[in-house]
Amino acid sequence: MLKDMLYITAGGFLTIKDRVQKELNALENRGKITKEDSKAFIDKLYERARAEHNENMEYFKEVVNELNLASKDDIARVEKKLDEILKKMKS
């Protein structure tokens, strides 16, 4: 579920980025802004997106931690222990 939310967010960002880039290109072609202004705007957009992504990741980590969900490492340890127990039972 969390992974799906991240994919949806990323997809939304890419859609917005494409629309913004298209509009910036149109403004460049009409001479309303320079290529440098366009690049600076896109760079700023990426930086804000990265910051937002980092904040979201921290939030998701807190939620997962509060829910006390098992991590991949936790599951791997349990599987290993279970394998050891099953081997002992067979011998």
PDB file of N, CA and C in Angstrom:
ATOM      1  N   MET A   1       0.822  -1.183   0.000  1.00  0.00           N
ATOM      2  CA  MET A   1       0.000   0.000   0.000  1.00  0.00           C
ATOM      3  C   MET A   1       0.876   1.259   0.000  1.00  0.00           C
ATOM      4  N   LEU A   2       1.883   1.292   0.867  1.00  0.00           N
ATOM      5  CA  LEU A   2       2.762   2.459   0.906  1.00  0.00           C
ATOM      6  C   LEU A   2       3.517   2.608  -0.406  1.00  0.00           C
ATOM      7  N   LYS A   3       3.931   1.463  -0.957  1.00  0.00           N
ATOM      8  CA  LYS A   3       4.654   1.486  -2.224  1.00  0.00           C
ATOM      9  C   LYS A   3       3.759   2.054  -3.324  1.00  0.00           C
ATOM     10  N   ASP A   4       2.483   1.645  -3.317  1.00  0.00           N
ATOM     11  CA  ASP A   4       1.533   2.159  -4.307  1.00  0.00           C
ATOM     12  C   ASP A   4       1.384   3.671  -4.183  1.00  0.00           C
ATOM     13  N   MET A   5       1.331   4.152  -2.948  1.00  0.00           N
ATOM     14  CA  MET A   5       1.208   5.594  -2.736  1.00  0.00           C
ATOM     15  C   MET A   5       2.426   6.327  -3.289  1.00  0.00           C
ATOM     16  N   LEU A   6       3.601   5.748  -3.095  1.00  0.00           N
ATOM     17  CA  LEU A   6       4.817   6.375  -3.611  1.00  0.00           C
ATOM     18  C   LEU A   6       4.817   6.391  -5.135  1.00  0.00           C
ATOM     19  N   TYR A   7       4.359   5.286  -5.752  1.00  0.00           N
ATOM     20  CA  TYR A   7       4.294   5.235  -7.214  1.00  0.00           C
ATOM     21  C   TYR A   7       3.292   6.253  -7.755  1.00  0.00           C
ATOM     22  N   ILE A   8       2.163   6.385  -7.086  1.00  0.00           N
ATOM     23  CA  ILE A   8       1.162   7.361  -7.514  1.00  0.00           C
ATOM     24  C   ILE A   8       1.732   8.769  -7.412  1.00  0.00           C
ATOM     25  N   THR A   9       2.422   9.049  -6.320  1.00  0.00           N
ATOM     26  CA  THR A   9       3.040  10.362  -6.137  1.00  0.00           C
ATOM     27  C   THR A   9       4.074  10.630  -7.220  1.00  0.00           C
ATOM     28  N   ALA A  10       4.912   9.634  -7.503  1.00  0.00           N
ATOM     29  CA  ALA A  10       5.939   9.791  -8.539  1.00  0.00           C
ATOM     30  C   ALA A  10       5.294  10.007  -9.900  1.00  0.00           C
ATOM     31  N   GLY A  11       4.247   9.252 -10.194  1.00  0.00           N
ATOM     32  CA  GLY A  11       3.545   9.416 -11.466  1.00  0.00           C
ATOM     33  C   GLY A  11       2.931  10.798 -11.593  1.00  0.00           C
ATOM     34  N   GLY A  12       2.360  11.277 -10.514  1.00  0.00           N
ATOM     35  CA  GLY A  12       1.785  12.618 -10.514  1.00  0.00           C
ATOM     36  C   GLY A  12       2.843  13.676 -10.748  1.00  0.00           C
ATOM     37  N   PHE A  13       3.989  13.500 -10.106  1.00  0.00           N
ATOM     38  CA  PHE A  13       5.071  14.462 -10.293  1.00  0.00           C
ATOM     39  C   PHE A  13       5.540  14.476 -11.740  1.00  0.00           C
ATOM     40  N   LEU A  14       5.694  13.297 -12.340  1.00  0.00           N
ATOM     41  CA  LEU A  14       6.164  13.232 -13.728  1.00  0.00           C
ATOM     42  C   LEU A  14       5.173  13.880 -14.683  1.00  0.00           C
ATOM     43  N   THR A  15       3.892  13.702 -14.424  1.00  0.00           N
ATOM     44  CA  THR A  15       2.871  14.334 -15.255  1.00  0.00           C
ATOM     45  C   THR A  15       2.965  15.850 -15.143  1.00  0.00           C
ATOM     46  N   ILE A  16       3.088  16.344 -13.936  1.00  0.00           N
ATOM     47  CA  ILE A  16       3.209  17.788 -13.716  1.00  0.00           C
ATOM     48  C   ILE A  16       4.483  18.310 -14.361  1.00  0.00           C
ATOM     49  N   LYS A  17       5.589  17.585 -14.183  1.00  0.00           N
ATOM     50  CA  LYS A  17       6.877  18.001 -14.751  1.00  0.00           C
ATOM     51  C   LYS A  17       6.779  18.115 -16.263  1.00  0.00           C
ATOM     52  N   ASP A  18       6.131  17.142 -16.914  1.00  0.00           N
ATOM     53  CA  ASP A  18       5.983  17.184 -18.371  1.00  0.00           C
ATOM     54  C   ASP A  18       5.156  18.387 -18.813  1.00  0.00           C
ATOM     55  N   ARG A  19       4.080  18.651 -18.100  1.00  0.00           N
ATOM     56  CA  ARG A  19       3.228  19.798 -18.450  1.00  0.00           C
ATOM     57  C   ARG A  19       3.970  21.120 -18.245  1.00  0.00           C
ATOM     58  N   VAL A  20       4.697  21.206 -17.138  1.00  0.00           N
ATOM     59  CA  VAL A  20       5.463  22.425 -16.859  1.00  0.00           C
ATOM     60  C   VAL A  20       6.540  22.615 -17.918  1.00  0.00           C
ATOM     61  N   GLN A  21       7.239  21.528 -18.269  1.00  0.00           N
ATOM     62  CA  GLN A  21       8.295  21.614 -19.282  1.00  0.00           C
ATOM     63  C   GLN A  21       7.724  22.074 -20.616  1.00  0.00           C
ATOM     64  N   LYS A  22       6.566  21.548 -20.982  1.00  0.00           N
ATOM     65  CA  LYS A  22       5.916  21.933 -22.239  1.00  0.00           C
ATOM     66  C   LYS A  22       5.576  23.432 -22.226  1.00  0.00           C
ATOM     67  N   GLU A  23       5.050  23.892 -21.106  1.00  0.00           N
ATOM     68  CA  GLU A  23       4.690  25.311 -20.990  1.00  0.00           C
ATOM     69  C   GLU A  23       5.937  26.192 -21.001  1.00  0.00           C
ATOM     70  N   LEU A  24       6.991  25.758 -20.321  1.00  0.00           N
ATOM     71  CA  LEU A  24       8.240  26.525 -20.326  1.00  0.00           C
ATOM     72  C   LEU A  24       8.829  26.594 -21.733  1.00  0.00           C
ATOM     73  N   ASN A  25       8.769  25.490 -22.468  1.00  0.00           N
ATOM     74  CA  ASN A  25       9.256  25.490 -23.851  1.00  0.00           C
ATOM     75  C   ASN A  25       8.474  26.485 -24.702  1.00  0.00           C
ATOM     76  N   ALA A  26       7.165  26.534 -24.491  1.00  0.00           N
ATOM     77  CA  ALA A  26       6.334  27.485 -25.235  1.00  0.00           C
ATOM     78  C   ALA A  26       6.730  28.917 -24.887  1.00  0.00           C
ATOM     79  N   LEU A  27       6.977  29.185 -23.614  1.00  0.00           N
ATOM     80  CA  LEU A  27       7.393  30.528 -23.196  1.00  0.00           C
ATOM     81  C   LEU A  27       8.761  30.882 -23.778  1.00  0.00           C
ATOM     82  N   GLU A  28       9.658  29.900 -23.828  1.00  0.00           N
ATOM     83  CA  GLU A  28      10.977  30.124 -24.440  1.00  0.00           C
ATOM     84  C   GLU A  28      10.824  30.470 -25.916  1.00  0.00           C
ATOM     85  N   ASN A  29      10.002  29.707 -26.614  1.00  0.00           N
ATOM     86  CA  ASN A  29       9.809  29.925 -28.050  1.00  0.00           C
ATOM     87  C   ASN A  29       9.216  31.294 -28.349  1.00  0.00           C
ATOM     88  N   ARG A  30       8.402  31.801 -27.435  1.00  0.00           N
ATOM     89  CA  ARG A  30       7.811  33.132 -27.619  1.00  0.00           C
ATOM     90  C   ARG A  30       8.725  34.239 -27.104  1.00  0.00           C
ATOM     91  N   GLY A  31       9.865  33.852 -26.542  1.00  0.00           N
ATOM     92  CA  GLY A  31      10.815  34.844 -26.056  1.00  0.00           C
ATOM     93  C   GLY A  31      10.435  35.463 -24.725  1.00  0.00           C
ATOM     94  N   LYS A  32       9.517  34.852 -24.010  1.00  0.00           N
ATOM     95  CA  LYS A  32       9.070  35.393 -22.722  1.00  0.00           C
ATOM     96  C   LYS A  32      10.063  35.083 -21.593  1.00  0.00           C
ATOM     97  N   ILE A  33      10.760  33.949 -21.707  1.00  0.00           N
ATOM     98  CA  ILE A  33      11.781  33.592 -20.724  1.00  0.00           C
ATOM     99  C   ILE A  33      12.995  33.037 -21.460  1.00  0.00           C
ATOM    100  N   THR A  34      14.116  33.040 -20.751  1.00  0.00           N
ATOM    101  CA  THR A  34      15.335  32.490 -21.351  1.00  0.00           C
ATOM    102  C   THR A  34      15.452  31.006 -21.017  1.00  0.00           C
ATOM    103  N   LYS A  35      16.323  30.339 -21.740  1.00  0.00           N
ATOM    104  CA  LYS A  35      16.576  28.916 -21.484  1.00  0.00           C
ATOM    105  C   LYS A  35      17.134  28.734 -20.068  1.00  0.00           C
ATOM    106  N   GLU A  36      17.951  29.694 -19.614  1.00  0.00           N
ATOM    107  CA  GLU A  36      18.518  29.625 -18.268  1.00  0.00           C
ATOM    108  C   GLU A  36      17.429  29.742 -17.205  1.00  0.00           C
ATOM    109  N   ASP A  37      16.464  30.644 -17.439  1.00  0.00           N
ATOM    110  CA  ASP A  37      15.345  30.785 -16.502  1.00  0.00           C
ATOM    111  C   ASP A  37      14.530  29.494 -16.439  1.00  0.00           C
ATOM    112  N   SER A  38      14.321  28.902 -17.593  1.00  0.00           N
ATOM    113  CA  SER A  38      13.572  27.652 -17.670  1.00  0.00           C
ATOM    114  C   SER A  38      14.290  26.550 -16.896  1.00  0.00           C
ATOM    115  N   LYS A  39      15.597  26.439 -17.116  1.00  0.00           N
ATOM    116  CA  LYS A  39      16.386  25.414 -16.422  1.00  0.00           C
ATOM    117  C   LYS A  39      16.388  25.668 -14.919  1.00  0.00           C
ATOM    118  N   ALA A  40      16.517  26.919 -14.514  1.00  0.00           N
ATOM    119  CA  ALA A  40      16.519  27.255 -13.088  1.00  0.00           C
ATOM    120  C   ALA A  40      15.180  26.877 -12.448  1.00  0.00           C
ATOM    121  N   PHE A  41      14.098  27.122 -13.173  1.00  0.00           N
ATOM    122  CA  PHE A  41      12.775  26.784 -12.657  1.00  0.00           C
ATOM    123  C   PHE A  41      12.639  25.272 -12.480  1.00  0.00           C
ATOM    124  N   ILE A  42      13.065  24.507 -13.489  1.00  0.00           N
ATOM    125  CA  ILE A  42      12.993  23.042 -13.415  1.00  0.00           C
ATOM    126  C   ILE A  42      13.881  22.522 -12.285  1.00  0.00           C
ATOM    127  N   ASP A  43      15.085  23.087 -12.149  1.00  0.00           N
ATOM    128  CA  ASP A  43      15.985  22.673 -11.063  1.00  0.00           C
ATOM    129  C   ASP A  43      15.348  22.917  -9.699  1.00  0.00           C
ATOM    130  N   LYS A  44      14.698  24.079  -9.558  1.00  0.00           N
ATOM    131  CA  LYS A  44      14.032  24.410  -8.305  1.00  0.00           C
ATOM    132  C   LYS A  44      12.862  23.447  -8.053  1.00  0.00           C
ATOM    133  N   LEU A  45      12.147  23.111  -9.107  1.00  0.00           N
ATOM    134  CA  LEU A  45      11.038  22.167  -9.001  1.00  0.00           C
ATOM    135  C   LEU A  45      11.543  20.799  -8.531  1.00  0.00           C
ATOM    136  N   TYR A  46      12.643  20.332  -9.124  1.00  0.00           N
ATOM    137  CA  TYR A  46      13.235  19.054  -8.716  1.00  0.00           C
ATOM    138  C   TYR A  46      13.685  19.094  -7.257  1.00  0.00           C
ATOM    139  N   GLU A  47      14.300  20.189  -6.859  1.00  0.00           N
ATOM    140  CA  GLU A  47      14.783  20.300  -5.483  1.00  0.00           C
ATOM    141  C   GLU A  47      13.614  20.246  -4.497  1.00  0.00           C
ATOM    142  N   ARG A  48      12.542  20.941  -4.820  1.00  0.00           N
ATOM    143  CA  ARG A  48      11.361  20.903  -3.950  1.00  0.00           C
ATOM    144  C   ARG A  48      10.764  19.499  -3.912  1.00  0.00           C
ATOM    145  N   ALA A  49      10.759  18.828  -5.063  1.00  0.00           N
ATOM    146  CA  ALA A  49      10.224  17.464  -5.121  1.00  0.00           C
ATOM    147  C   ALA A  49      11.082  16.518  -4.284  1.00  0.00           C
ATOM    148  N   ARG A  50      12.404  16.677  -4.365  1.00  0.00           N
ATOM    149  CA  ARG A  50      13.302  15.832  -3.560  1.00  0.00           C
ATOM    150  C   ARG A  50      13.064  16.055  -2.067  1.00  0.00           C
ATOM    151  N   ALA A  51      12.934  17.318  -1.686  1.00  0.00           N
ATOM    152  CA  ALA A  51      12.700  17.638  -0.277  1.00  0.00           C
ATOM    153  C   ALA A  51      11.373  17.040   0.186  1.00  0.00           C
ATOM    154  N   GLU A  52      10.353  17.178  -0.638  1.00  0.00           N
ATOM    155  CA  GLU A  52       9.038  16.622  -0.302  1.00  0.00           C
ATOM    156  C   GLU A  52       9.107  15.099  -0.209  1.00  0.00           C
ATOM    157  N   HIS A  53       9.829  14.493  -1.136  1.00  0.00           N
ATOM    158  CA  HIS A  53       9.991  13.032  -1.125  1.00  0.00           C
ATOM    159  C   HIS A  53      10.672  12.585   0.170  1.00  0.00           C
ATOM    160  N   ASN A  54      11.732  13.283   0.552  1.00  0.00           N
ATOM    161  CA  ASN A  54      12.450  12.931   1.787  1.00  0.00           C
ATOM    162  C   ASN A  54      11.547  13.060   3.010  1.00  0.00           C
ATOM    163  N   GLU A  55      10.743  14.127   3.045  1.00  0.00           N
ATOM    164  CA  GLU A  55       9.810  14.310   4.159  1.00  0.00           C
ATOM    165  C   GLU A  55       8.788  13.177   4.189  1.00  0.00           C
ATOM    166  N   ASN A  56       8.268  12.820   3.011  1.00  0.00           N
ATOM    167  CA  ASN A  56       7.284  11.736   2.936  1.00  0.00           C
ATOM    168  C   ASN A  56       7.887  10.409   3.376  1.00  0.00           C
ATOM    169  N   MET A  57       9.121  10.144   2.947  1.00  0.00           N
ATOM    170  CA  MET A  57       9.772   8.890   3.335  1.00  0.00           C
ATOM    171  C   MET A  57       9.953   8.823   4.851  1.00  0.00           C
ATOM    172  N   GLU A  58      10.345   9.924   5.463  1.00  0.00           N
ATOM    173  CA  GLU A  58      10.497   9.953   6.917  1.00  0.00           C
ATOM    174  C   GLU A  58       9.153   9.712   7.599  1.00  0.00           C
ATOM    175  N   TYR A  59       8.109  10.332   7.059  1.00  0.00           N
ATOM    176  CA  TYR A  59       6.765  10.146   7.616  1.00  0.00           C
ATOM    177  C   TYR A  59       6.350   8.679   7.513  1.00  0.00           C
ATOM    178  N   PHE A  60       6.555   8.066   6.336  1.00  0.00           N
ATOM    179  CA  PHE A  60       6.187   6.665   6.152  1.00  0.00           C
ATOM    180  C   PHE A  60       6.976   5.758   7.094  1.00  0.00           C
ATOM    181  N   LYS A  61       8.251   6.066   7.282  1.00  0.00           N
ATOM    182  CA  LYS A  61       9.066   5.269   8.203  1.00  0.00           C
ATOM    183  C   LYS A  61       8.510   5.363   9.627  1.00  0.00           C
ATOM    184  N   GLU A  62       8.092   6.568  10.020  1.00  0.00           N
ATOM    185  CA  GLU A  62       7.511   6.748  11.348  1.00  0.00           C
ATOM    186  C   GLU A  62       6.221   5.952  11.487  1.00  0.00           C
ATOM    187  N   VAL A  63       5.381   5.998  10.453  1.00  0.00           N
ATOM    188  CA  VAL A  63       4.114   5.259  10.486  1.00  0.00           C
ATOM    189  C   VAL A  63       4.378   3.767  10.605  1.00  0.00           C
ATOM    190  N   VAL A  64       5.283   3.249   9.783  1.00  0.00           N
ATOM    191  CA  VAL A  64       5.615   1.825   9.826  1.00  0.00           C
ATOM    192  C   VAL A  64       6.160   1.459  11.199  1.00  0.00           C
ATOM    193  N   ASN A  65       7.006   2.312  11.745  1.00  0.00           N
ATOM    194  CA  ASN A  65       7.578   2.058  13.066  1.00  0.00           C
ATOM    195  C   ASN A  65       6.492   2.047  14.140  1.00  0.00           C
ATOM    196  N   GLU A  66       5.568   3.007  14.073  1.00  0.00           N
ATOM    197  CA  GLU A  66       4.489   3.077  15.059  1.00  0.00           C
ATOM    198  C   GLU A  66       3.561   1.871  14.961  1.00  0.00           C
ATOM    199  N   LEU A  67       3.365   1.365  13.745  1.00  0.00           N
ATOM    200  CA  LEU A  67       2.506   0.196  13.559  1.00  0.00           C
ATOM    201  C   LEU A  67       3.211  -1.092  13.963  1.00  0.00           C
ATOM    202  N   ASN A  68       4.508  -0.968  14.225  1.00  0.00           N
ATOM    203  CA  ASN A  68       5.321  -2.107  14.650  1.00  0.00           C
ATOM    204  C   ASN A  68       5.268  -3.247  13.628  1.00  0.00           C
ATOM    205  N   LEU A  69       5.361  -2.887  12.352  1.00  0.00           N
ATOM    206  CA  LEU A  69       5.343  -3.872  11.277  1.00  0.00           C
ATOM    207  C   LEU A  69       6.690  -4.568  11.171  1.00  0.00           C
ATOM    208  N   ALA A  70       6.649  -5.806  10.746  1.00  0.00           N
ATOM    209  CA  ALA A  70       7.889  -6.566  10.565  1.00  0.00           C
ATOM    210  C   ALA A  70       8.624  -6.065   9.328  1.00  0.00           C
ATOM    211  N   SER A  71       9.935  -5.937   9.459  1.00  0.00           N
ATOM    212  CA  SER A  71      10.761  -5.530   8.324  1.00  0.00           C
ATOM    213  C   SER A  71      11.170  -6.767   7.534  1.00  0.00           C
ATOM    214  N   LYS A  72      11.766  -6.560   6.382  1.00  0.00           N
ATOM    215  CA  LYS A  72      12.272  -7.683   5.589  1.00  0.00           C
ATOM    216  C   LYS A  72      13.314  -8.461   6.382  1.00  0.00           C
ATOM    217  N   ASP A  73      14.152  -7.741   7.113  1.00  0.00           N
ATOM    218  CA  ASP A  73      15.168  -8.404   7.942  1.00  0.00           C
ATOM    219  C   ASP A  73      14.526  -9.253   9.039  1.00  0.00           C
ATOM    220  N   ASP A  74      13.460  -8.714   9.654  1.00  0.00           N
ATOM    221  CA  ASP A  74      12.751  -9.475  10.691  1.00  0.00           C
ATOM    222  C   ASP A  74      12.199 -10.776  10.116  1.00  0.00           C
ATOM    223  N   ILE A  75      11.584 -10.683   8.958  1.00  0.00           N
ATOM    224  CA  ILE A  75      10.997 -11.862   8.320  1.00  0.00           C
ATOM    225  C   ILE A  75      12.085 -12.858   7.937  1.00  0.00           C
ATOM    226  N   ALA A  76      13.201 -12.359   7.428  1.00  0.00           N
ATOM    227  CA  ALA A  76      14.312 -13.243   7.052  1.00  0.00           C
ATOM    228  C   ALA A  76      14.848 -13.991   8.271  1.00  0.00           C
ATOM    229  N   ARG A  77      14.951 -13.296   9.412  1.00  0.00           N
ATOM    230  CA  ARG A  77      15.424 -13.946  10.642  1.00  0.00           C
ATOM    231  C   ARG A  77      14.457 -15.048  11.087  1.00  0.00           C
ATOM    232  N   VAL A  78      13.166 -14.764  11.009  1.00  0.00           N
ATOM    233  CA  VAL A  78      12.165 -15.759  11.401  1.00  0.00           C
ATOM    234  C   VAL A  78      12.214 -16.961  10.458  1.00  0.00           C
ATOM    235  N   GLU A  79      12.342 -16.699   9.164  1.00  0.00           N
ATOM    236  CA  GLU A  79      12.431 -17.798   8.196  1.00  0.00           C
ATOM    237  C   GLU A  79      13.663 -18.667   8.461  1.00  0.00           C
ATOM    238  N   LYS A  80      14.782 -18.027   8.753  1.00  0.00           N
ATOM    239  CA  LYS A  80      16.011 -18.766   9.034  1.00  0.00           C
ATOM    240  C   LYS A  80      15.838 -19.628  10.284  1.00  0.00           C
ATOM    241  N   LYS A  81      15.264 -19.033  11.310  1.00  0.00           N
ATOM    242  CA  LYS A  81      15.037 -19.764  12.561  1.00  0.00           C
ATOM    243  C   LYS A  81      14.085 -20.930  12.322  1.00  0.00           C
ATOM    244  N   LEU A  82      13.047 -20.716  11.541  1.00  0.00           N
ATOM    245  CA  LEU A  82      12.092 -21.772  11.228  1.00  0.00           C
ATOM    246  C   LEU A  82      12.768 -22.909  10.466  1.00  0.00           C
ATOM    247  N   ASP A  83      13.614 -22.550   9.514  1.00  0.00           N
ATOM    248  CA  ASP A  83      14.369 -23.577   8.777  1.00  0.00           C
ATOM    249  C   ASP A  83      15.236 -24.404   9.723  1.00  0.00           C
ATOM    250  N   GLU A  84      15.888 -23.737  10.669  1.00  0.00           N
ATOM    251  CA  GLU A  84      16.729 -24.441  11.641  1.00  0.00           C
ATOM    252  C   GLU A  84      15.895 -25.407  12.486  1.00  0.00           C
ATOM    253  N   ILE A  85      14.740 -24.958  12.915  1.00  0.00           N
ATOM    254  CA  ILE A  85      13.861 -25.799  13.734  1.00  0.00           C
ATOM    255  C   ILE A  85      13.380 -27.004  12.927  1.00  0.00           C
ATOM    256  N   LEU A  86      12.992 -26.765  11.680  1.00  0.00           N
ATOM    257  CA  LEU A  86      12.518 -27.865  10.832  1.00  0.00           C
ATOM    258  C   LEU A  86      13.623 -28.884  10.573  1.00  0.00           C
ATOM    259  N   LYS A  87      14.844 -28.421  10.378  1.00  0.00           N
ATOM    260  CA  LYS A  87      15.974 -29.335  10.175  1.00  0.00           C
ATOM    261  C   LYS A  87      16.213 -30.188  11.418  1.00  0.00           C
ATOM    262  N   LYS A  88      16.118 -29.569  12.598  1.00  0.00           N
ATOM    263  CA  LYS A  88      16.304 -30.307  13.851  1.00  0.00           C
ATOM    264  C   LYS A  88      15.206 -31.352  14.031  1.00  0.00           C
ATOM    265  N   MET A  89      13.995 -31.002  13.633  1.00  0.00           N
ATOM    266  CA  MET A  89      12.873 -31.935  13.777  1.00  0.00           C
ATOM    267  C   MET A  89      13.029 -33.136  12.846  1.00  0.00           C
ATOM    268  N   LYS A  90      13.618 -32.921  11.675  1.00  0.00           N
ATOM    269  CA  LYS A  90      13.791 -33.997  10.702  1.00  0.00           C
ATOM    270  C   LYS A  90      14.912 -34.948  11.094  1.00  0.00           C
ATOM    271  N   SER A  91      15.881 -34.447  11.869  1.00  0.00           N
ATOM    272  CA  SER A  91      17.014 -35.320  12.211  1.00  0.00           C
ATOM    273  C   SER A  91      16.798 -36.103  13.466  1.00  0.00           C
TER     274      SER A  91
END
